[in-house]
């Protein structure tokens, strides 16, 4: 059975919460001790399907 490649494009609104041990590290945005992401809105704009070509060794 041939393989199918599905490509979905769209837009997302999200909120990322990160916890840092100090204000300086938070300003730099490096090495958070905890991180959480929440998607608040997801809009799918286009979905495409394409047949993946399979090459056989002969």
PDB file of N, CA and C in Angstrom:
ATOM      1  N   UNK A   1       0.844  -1.172   0.000  1.00  0.00           N
ATOM      2  CA  UNK A   1       0.000   0.000   0.000  1.00  0.00           C
ATOM      3  C   UNK A   1       0.897   1.246   0.000  1.00  0.00           C
ATOM      4  N   UNK A   2       0.617   2.204  -0.858  1.00  0.00           N
ATOM      5  CA  UNK A   2       1.465   3.401  -0.918  1.00  0.00           C
ATOM      6  C   UNK A   2       1.295   4.278   0.326  1.00  0.00           C
ATOM      7  N   UNK A   3       2.354   4.998   0.657  1.00  0.00           N
ATOM      8  CA  UNK A   3       2.326   5.901   1.807  1.00  0.00           C
ATOM      9  C   UNK A   3       1.816   7.262   1.367  1.00  0.00           C
ATOM     10  N   UNK A   4       1.120   7.935   2.265  1.00  0.00           N
ATOM     11  CA  UNK A   4       0.539   9.243   2.013  1.00  0.00           C
ATOM     12  C   UNK A   4       1.174  10.260   2.957  1.00  0.00           C
ATOM     13  N   UNK A   5       1.528  11.423   2.430  1.00  0.00           N
ATOM     14  CA  UNK A   5       2.038  12.508   3.258  1.00  0.00           C
ATOM     15  C   UNK A   5       0.916  13.539   3.397  1.00  0.00           C
ATOM     16  N   UNK A   6       0.562  13.847   4.634  1.00  0.00           N
ATOM     17  CA  UNK A   6      -0.489  14.826   4.917  1.00  0.00           C
ATOM     18  C   UNK A   6       0.172  16.085   5.482  1.00  0.00           C
ATOM     19  N   UNK A   7      -0.074  17.230   4.858  1.00  0.00           N
ATOM     20  CA  UNK A   7       0.475  18.495   5.305  1.00  0.00           C
ATOM     21  C   UNK A   7      -0.675  19.413   5.703  1.00  0.00           C
ATOM     22  N   UNK A   8      -0.662  19.864   6.953  1.00  0.00           N
ATOM     23  CA  UNK A   8      -1.698  20.750   7.471  1.00  0.00           C
ATOM     24  C   UNK A   8      -1.067  22.088   7.808  1.00  0.00           C
ATOM     25  N   UNK A   9      -1.647  23.173   7.308  1.00  0.00           N
ATOM     26  CA  UNK A   9      -1.164  24.505   7.642  1.00  0.00           C
ATOM     27  C   UNK A   9      -2.278  25.283   8.326  1.00  0.00           C
ATOM     28  N   UNK A  10      -1.882  26.208   9.170  1.00  0.00           N
ATOM     29  CA  UNK A  10      -2.867  27.012   9.873  1.00  0.00           C
ATOM     30  C   UNK A  10      -2.213  28.005  10.799  1.00  0.00           C
ATOM     31  N   UNK A  11      -2.999  28.509  11.728  1.00  0.00           N
ATOM     32  CA  UNK A  11      -2.530  29.491  12.697  1.00  0.00           C
ATOM     33  C   UNK A  11      -2.937  29.050  14.094  1.00  0.00           C
ATOM     34  N   UNK A  12      -2.117  29.455  15.078  1.00  0.00           N
ATOM     35  CA  UNK A  12      -2.432  29.123  16.462  1.00  0.00           C
ATOM     36  C   UNK A  12      -2.154  30.320  17.362  1.00  0.00           C
ATOM     37  N   UNK A  13      -3.032  30.538  18.316  1.00  0.00           N
ATOM     38  CA  UNK A  13      -2.797  31.503  19.388  1.00  0.00           C
ATOM     39  C   UNK A  13      -2.426  30.694  20.619  1.00  0.00           C
ATOM     40  N   UNK A  14      -1.354  31.093  21.276  1.00  0.00           N
ATOM     41  CA  UNK A  14      -0.893  30.303  22.409  1.00  0.00           C
ATOM     42  C   UNK A  14      -0.375  31.204  23.527  1.00  0.00           C
ATOM     43  N   UNK A  15      -0.280  30.600  24.716  1.00  0.00           N
ATOM     44  CA  UNK A  15       0.263  31.264  25.892  1.00  0.00           C
ATOM     45  C   UNK A  15       1.353  30.347  26.450  1.00  0.00           C
ATOM     46  N   UNK A  16       2.546  30.909  26.649  1.00  0.00           N
ATOM     47  CA  UNK A  16       3.655  30.159  27.233  1.00  0.00           C
ATOM     48  C   UNK A  16       3.974  30.785  28.583  1.00  0.00           C
ATOM     49  N   UNK A  17       3.959  29.946  29.631  1.00  0.00           N
ATOM     50  CA  UNK A  17       4.331  30.407  30.977  1.00  0.00           C
ATOM     51  C   UNK A  17       5.625  29.703  31.355  1.00  0.00           C
ATOM     52  N   UNK A  18       6.622  30.503  31.759  1.00  0.00           N
ATOM     53  CA  UNK A  18       7.920  29.954  32.154  1.00  0.00           C
ATOM     54  C   UNK A  18       8.286  30.475  33.538  1.00  0.00           C
ATOM     55  N   UNK A  19       8.934  29.619  34.313  1.00  0.00           N
ATOM     56  CA  UNK A  19       9.365  29.992  35.663  1.00  0.00           C
ATOM     57  C   UNK A  19      10.890  30.038  35.691  1.00  0.00           C
ATOM     58  N   UNK A  20      11.431  31.122  36.246  1.00  0.00           N
ATOM     59  CA  UNK A  20      12.880  31.313  36.312  1.00  0.00           C
ATOM     60  C   UNK A  20      13.293  31.550  37.758  1.00  0.00           C
ATOM     61  N   UNK A  21      14.515  31.170  38.107  1.00  0.00           N
ATOM     62  CA  UNK A  21      14.979  31.372  39.480  1.00  0.00           C
ATOM     63  C   UNK A  21      15.327  32.824  39.801  1.00  0.00           C
ATOM     64  N   UNK A  22      15.542  33.661  38.765  1.00  0.00           N
ATOM     65  CA  UNK A  22      15.873  35.065  39.028  1.00  0.00           C
ATOM     66  C   UNK A  22      15.332  35.947  37.906  1.00  0.00           C
ATOM     67  N   UNK A  23      15.243  37.240  38.198  1.00  0.00           N
ATOM     68  CA  UNK A  23      14.749  38.203  37.214  1.00  0.00           C
ATOM     69  C   UNK A  23      15.704  38.317  36.029  1.00  0.00           C
ATOM     70  N   UNK A  24      17.007  38.268  36.283  1.00  0.00           N
ATOM     71  CA  UNK A  24      17.991  38.384  35.204  1.00  0.00           C
ATOM     72  C   UNK A  24      17.865  37.221  34.211  1.00  0.00           C
ATOM     73  N   UNK A  25      17.681  36.014  34.718  1.00  0.00           N
ATOM     74  CA  UNK A  25      17.513  34.868  33.824  1.00  0.00           C
ATOM     75  C   UNK A  25      16.207  34.970  33.043  1.00  0.00           C
ATOM     76  N   UNK A  26      15.170  35.531  33.646  1.00  0.00           N
ATOM     77  CA  UNK A  26      13.898  35.718  32.953  1.00  0.00           C
ATOM     78  C   UNK A  26      14.049  36.733  31.828  1.00  0.00           C
ATOM     79  N   UNK A  27      14.798  37.800  32.075  1.00  0.00           N
ATOM     80  CA  UNK A  27      15.022  38.804  31.040  1.00  0.00           C
ATOM     81  C   UNK A  27      15.803  38.202  29.874  1.00  0.00           C
ATOM     82  N   UNK A  28      16.815  37.380  30.184  1.00  0.00           N
ATOM     83  CA  UNK A  28      17.607  36.730  29.144  1.00  0.00           C
ATOM     84  C   UNK A  28      16.815  35.626  28.444  1.00  0.00           C
ATOM     85  N   UNK A  29      15.861  35.031  29.144  1.00  0.00           N
ATOM     86  CA  UNK A  29      15.056  33.962  28.582  1.00  0.00           C
ATOM     87  C   UNK A  29      15.789  32.645  28.464  1.00  0.00           C
ATOM     88  N   UNK A  30      16.745  32.427  29.354  1.00  0.00           N
ATOM     89  CA  UNK A  30      17.564  31.207  29.294  1.00  0.00           C
ATOM     90  C   UNK A  30      17.296  30.312  30.489  1.00  0.00           C
ATOM     91  N   UNK A  31      17.265  29.008  30.241  1.00  0.00           N
ATOM     92  CA  UNK A  31      17.189  27.973  31.270  1.00  0.00           C
ATOM     93  C   UNK A  31      16.028  28.124  32.251  1.00  0.00           C
ATOM     94  N   UNK A  32      14.784  28.058  31.772  1.00  0.00           N
ATOM     95  CA  UNK A  32      13.668  28.092  32.723  1.00  0.00           C
ATOM     96  C   UNK A  32      13.629  26.814  33.563  1.00  0.00           C
ATOM     97  N   UNK A  33      13.171  26.933  34.806  1.00  0.00           N
ATOM     98  CA  UNK A  33      13.048  25.749  35.662  1.00  0.00           C
ATOM     99  C   UNK A  33      11.744  25.006  35.389  1.00  0.00           C
ATOM    100  N   UNK A  34      10.745  25.708  34.850  1.00  0.00           N
ATOM    101  CA  UNK A  34       9.464  25.081  34.488  1.00  0.00           C
ATOM    102  C   UNK A  34       8.889  25.827  33.290  1.00  0.00           C
ATOM    103  N   UNK A  35       8.184  25.095  32.448  1.00  0.00           N
ATOM    104  CA  UNK A  35       7.600  25.704  31.262  1.00  0.00           C
ATOM    105  C   UNK A  35       6.270  25.029  30.958  1.00  0.00           C
ATOM    106  N   UNK A  36       5.278  25.833  30.567  1.00  0.00           N
ATOM    107  CA  UNK A  36       3.949  25.306  30.256  1.00  0.00           C
ATOM    108  C   UNK A  36       3.405  26.071  29.053  1.00  0.00           C
ATOM    109  N   UNK A  37       2.856  25.354  28.080  1.00  0.00           N
ATOM    110  CA  UNK A  37       2.276  25.995  26.898  1.00  0.00           C
ATOM    111  C   UNK A  37       0.815  25.597  26.769  1.00  0.00           C
ATOM    112  N   UNK A  38      -0.020  26.574  26.423  1.00  0.00           N
ATOM    113  CA  UNK A  38      -1.455  26.334  26.260  1.00  0.00           C
ATOM    114  C   UNK A  38      -1.894  26.939  24.934  1.00  0.00           C
ATOM    115  N   UNK A  39      -2.556  26.139  24.100  1.00  0.00           N
ATOM    116  CA  UNK A  39      -3.093  26.631  22.838  1.00  0.00           C
ATOM    117  C   UNK A  39      -4.500  27.140  23.108  1.00  0.00           C
ATOM    118  N   UNK A  40      -4.716  28.449  22.838  1.00  0.00           N
ATOM    119  CA  UNK A  40      -6.025  29.027  23.114  1.00  0.00           C
ATOM    120  C   UNK A  40      -6.928  29.028  21.887  1.00  0.00           C
ATOM    121  N   UNK A  41      -6.343  29.023  20.688  1.00  0.00           N
ATOM    122  CA  UNK A  41      -7.144  29.003  19.472  1.00  0.00           C
ATOM    123  C   UNK A  41      -6.323  28.360  18.364  1.00  0.00           C
ATOM    124  N   UNK A  42      -6.934  27.471  17.610  1.00  0.00           N
ATOM    125  CA  UNK A  42      -6.270  26.781  16.509  1.00  0.00           C
ATOM    126  C   UNK A  42      -7.164  26.867  15.286  1.00  0.00           C
ATOM    127  N   UNK A  43      -6.610  27.384  14.198  1.00  0.00           N
ATOM    128  CA  UNK A  43      -7.377  27.534  12.959  1.00  0.00           C
ATOM    129  C   UNK A  43      -6.634  26.807  11.839  1.00  0.00           C
ATOM    130  N   UNK A  44      -7.234  25.745  11.330  1.00  0.00           N
ATOM    131  CA  UNK A  44      -6.661  25.005  10.214  1.00  0.00           C
ATOM    132  C   UNK A  44      -7.122  25.673   8.930  1.00  0.00           C
ATOM    133  N   UNK A  45      -6.148  26.062   8.094  1.00  0.00           N
ATOM    134  CA  UNK A  45      -6.469  26.769   6.866  1.00  0.00           C
ATOM    135  C   UNK A  45      -6.428  25.888   5.633  1.00  0.00           C
ATOM    136  N   UNK A  46      -5.554  24.878   5.622  1.00  0.00           N
ATOM    137  CA  UNK A  46      -5.394  24.075   4.423  1.00  0.00           C
ATOM    138  C   UNK A  46      -4.861  22.695   4.800  1.00  0.00           C
ATOM    139  N   UNK A  47      -5.368  21.667   4.134  1.00  0.00           N
ATOM    140  CA  UNK A  47      -4.877  20.307   4.307  1.00  0.00           C
ATOM    141  C   UNK A  47      -4.601  19.749   2.919  1.00  0.00           C
ATOM    142  N   UNK A  48      -3.385  19.235   2.729  1.00  0.00           N
ATOM    143  CA  UNK A  48      -3.015  18.648   1.440  1.00  0.00           C
ATOM    144  C   UNK A  48      -2.545  17.215   1.651  1.00  0.00           C
ATOM    145  N   UNK A  49      -2.896  16.362   0.706  1.00  0.00           N
ATOM    146  CA  UNK A  49      -2.467  14.975   0.720  1.00  0.00           C
ATOM    147  C   UNK A  49      -1.617  14.728  -0.520  1.00  0.00           C
ATOM    148  N   UNK A  50      -0.500  14.016  -0.354  1.00  0.00           N
ATOM    149  CA  UNK A  50       0.379  13.736  -1.476  1.00  0.00           C
ATOM    150  C   UNK A  50       0.855  12.294  -1.372  1.00  0.00           C
ATOM    151  N   UNK A  51       0.889  11.613  -2.475  1.00  0.00           N
ATOM    152  CA  UNK A  51       1.372  10.238  -2.544  1.00  0.00           C
ATOM    153  C   UNK A  51       2.892  10.259  -2.429  1.00  0.00           C
ATOM    154  N   UNK A  52       3.430   9.504  -1.481  1.00  0.00           N
ATOM    155  CA  UNK A  52       4.875   9.424  -1.321  1.00  0.00           C
ATOM    156  C   UNK A  52       5.420   8.394  -2.297  1.00  0.00           C
ATOM    157  N   UNK A  53       6.411   8.812  -3.056  1.00  0.00           N
ATOM    158  CA  UNK A  53       7.009   7.900  -4.029  1.00  0.00           C
ATOM    159  C   UNK A  53       7.934   6.937  -3.295  1.00  0.00           C
ATOM    160  N   UNK A  54       7.756   5.662  -3.586  1.00  0.00           N
ATOM    161  CA  UNK A  54       8.580   4.638  -2.972  1.00  0.00           C
ATOM    162  C   UNK A  54       9.474   4.044  -4.053  1.00  0.00           C
ATOM    163  N   UNK A  55      10.776   4.128  -3.867  1.00  0.00           N
ATOM    164  CA  UNK A  55      11.726   3.568  -4.840  1.00  0.00           C
ATOM    165  C   UNK A  55      12.132   2.185  -4.375  1.00  0.00           C
ATOM    166  N   UNK A  56      12.071   1.241  -5.257  1.00  0.00           N
ATOM    167  CA  UNK A  56      12.447  -0.127  -4.942  1.00  0.00           C
ATOM    168  C   UNK A  56      13.816  -0.421  -5.563  1.00  0.00           C
ATOM    169  N   UNK A  57      14.638  -1.143  -4.816  1.00  0.00           N
ATOM    170  CA  UNK A  57      15.931  -1.572  -5.348  1.00  0.00           C
ATOM    171  C   UNK A  57      15.708  -2.754  -6.282  1.00  0.00           C
ATOM    172  N   UNK A  58      16.162  -2.624  -7.497  1.00  0.00           N
ATOM    173  CA  UNK A  58      15.938  -3.709  -8.461  1.00  0.00           C
ATOM    174  C   UNK A  58      17.225  -4.426  -8.753  1.00  0.00           C
TER     175      UNK A  58
END
